[in-house]
C-alpha atoms as a PDB file:
ATOM      1  CA  MET A   1      -7.540  90.301 -78.381  1.00  0.00           C
ATOM      2  CA  THR A   2      -6.301  87.674 -80.798  1.00  0.00           C
ATOM      3  CA  LYS A   3      -7.391  84.036 -80.691  1.00  0.00           C
ATOM      4  CA  ASN A   4      -4.742  81.494 -79.725  1.00  0.00           C
ATOM      5  CA  SER A   5      -5.915  78.461 -81.678  1.00  0.00           C
ATOM      6  CA  SER A   6      -3.793  76.210 -79.447  1.00  0.00           C
ATOM      7  CA  ILE A   7      -5.735  77.045 -76.255  1.00  0.00           C
ATOM      8  CA  LYS A   8      -9.455  76.219 -76.184  1.00  0.00           C
ATOM      9  CA  CYS A   9     -11.486  77.727 -73.345  1.00  0.00           C
ATOM     10  CA  ASP A  10     -15.156  77.650 -72.308  1.00  0.00           C
ATOM     11  CA  VAL A  11     -14.789  79.855 -69.201  1.00  0.00           C
ATOM     12  CA  SER A  12     -16.817  82.849 -70.351  1.00  0.00           C
ATOM     13  CA  SER A  13     -16.182  84.751 -67.099  1.00  0.00           C
ATOM     14  CA  CYS A  14     -12.425  84.917 -67.826  1.00  0.00           C
ATOM     15  CA  LYS A  15     -11.198  88.204 -69.271  1.00  0.00           C
ATOM     16  CA  TYR A  16      -8.954  86.310 -71.745  1.00  0.00           C
ATOM     17  CA  ASN A  17     -11.773  84.153 -73.142  1.00  0.00           C
ATOM     18  CA  LEU A  18     -13.021  84.884 -76.651  1.00  0.00           C
ATOM     19  CA  ALA A  19     -16.556  83.730 -75.883  1.00  0.00           C
ATOM     20  CA  ASN A  20     -17.814  83.659 -79.462  1.00  0.00           C
ATOM     21  CA  GLU A  21     -14.974  81.352 -80.507  1.00  0.00           C
ATOM     22  CA  HIS A  22     -14.297  79.397 -77.258  1.00  0.00           C
ATOM     23  CA  TYR A  23     -10.571  80.140 -77.332  1.00  0.00           C
ATOM     24  CA  CYS A  24      -8.101  81.942 -75.085  1.00  0.00           C
ATOM     25  CA  SER A  25      -6.344  85.121 -76.154  1.00  0.00           C
ATOM     26  CA  LEU A  26      -3.220  84.543 -74.051  1.00  0.00           C
ATOM     27  CA  GLU A  27       0.015  83.374 -75.686  1.00  0.00           C
ATOM     28  CA  THR A  28       0.537  80.827 -72.900  1.00  0.00           C
ATOM     29  CA  ILE A  29      -1.313  79.722 -69.764  1.00  0.00           C
ATOM     30  CA  LYS A  30      -0.196  78.214 -66.461  1.00  0.00           C
ATOM     31  CA  VAL A  31      -1.996  75.100 -65.242  1.00  0.00           C
ATOM     32  CA  GLY A  32      -1.861  74.208 -61.559  1.00  0.00           C
ATOM     33  CA  THR A  33      -3.709  72.169 -58.969  1.00  0.00           C
ATOM     34  CA  HIS A  34      -5.519  72.713 -55.697  1.00  0.00           C
ATOM     35  CA  GLU A  35      -4.952  69.110 -54.581  1.00  0.00           C
ATOM     36  CA  ALA A  36      -1.950  67.430 -52.934  1.00  0.00           C
ATOM     37  CA  ASN A  37      -2.278  64.433 -55.269  1.00  0.00           C
ATOM     38  CA  PRO A  38      -4.378  65.260 -58.356  1.00  0.00           C
ATOM     39  CA  THR A  39      -5.953  62.207 -59.979  1.00  0.00           C
ATOM     40  CA  VAL A  40      -8.752  63.594 -62.193  1.00  0.00           C
ATOM     41  CA  PRO A  41      -9.119  66.653 -64.463  1.00  0.00           C
ATOM     42  CA  GLU A  42     -11.342  68.378 -61.880  1.00  0.00           C
ATOM     43  CA  CYS A  43      -8.294  68.662 -59.609  1.00  0.00           C
ATOM     44  CA  THR A  44      -6.522  71.014 -62.033  1.00  0.00           C
ATOM     45  CA  ASP A  45      -6.935  74.769 -62.469  1.00  0.00           C
ATOM     46  CA  CYS A  46      -6.021  77.461 -64.979  1.00  0.00           C
ATOM     47  CA  MET A  47      -3.739  79.688 -62.924  1.00  0.00           C
ATOM     48  CA  SER A  48      -3.910  82.360 -65.654  1.00  0.00           C
ATOM     49  CA  PHE A  49      -7.625  83.001 -64.995  1.00  0.00           C
ATOM     50  CA  VAL A  50      -8.647  86.624 -64.376  1.00  0.00           C
ATOM     51  CA  CYS A  51     -12.317  87.426 -63.825  1.00  0.00           C
ATOM     52  CA  LYS A  52     -13.785  89.805 -66.426  1.00  0.00           C
ATOM     53  CA  GLY A  53     -15.384  91.873 -63.708  1.00  0.00           C
ATOM     54  CA  GLY A  54     -12.153  92.648 -61.891  1.00  0.00           C
ATOM     55  CA  SER A  55      -9.232  90.932 -60.249  1.00  0.00           C
ATOM     56  CA  GLN A  56      -8.898  87.289 -59.164  1.00  0.00           C
END
């Protein structure tokens, strides 16, 4: 996996996370929300997340 220096990530349980460098290895990510009207960062989600231990 190659570091994408444009996408920082601290989610160590994601299979695309380069834990030692705190970056994502994907070329692009999709950001979504789980709220009808998001107003704070906590309302957003990385829709590209895949758990290291298996599927989503």
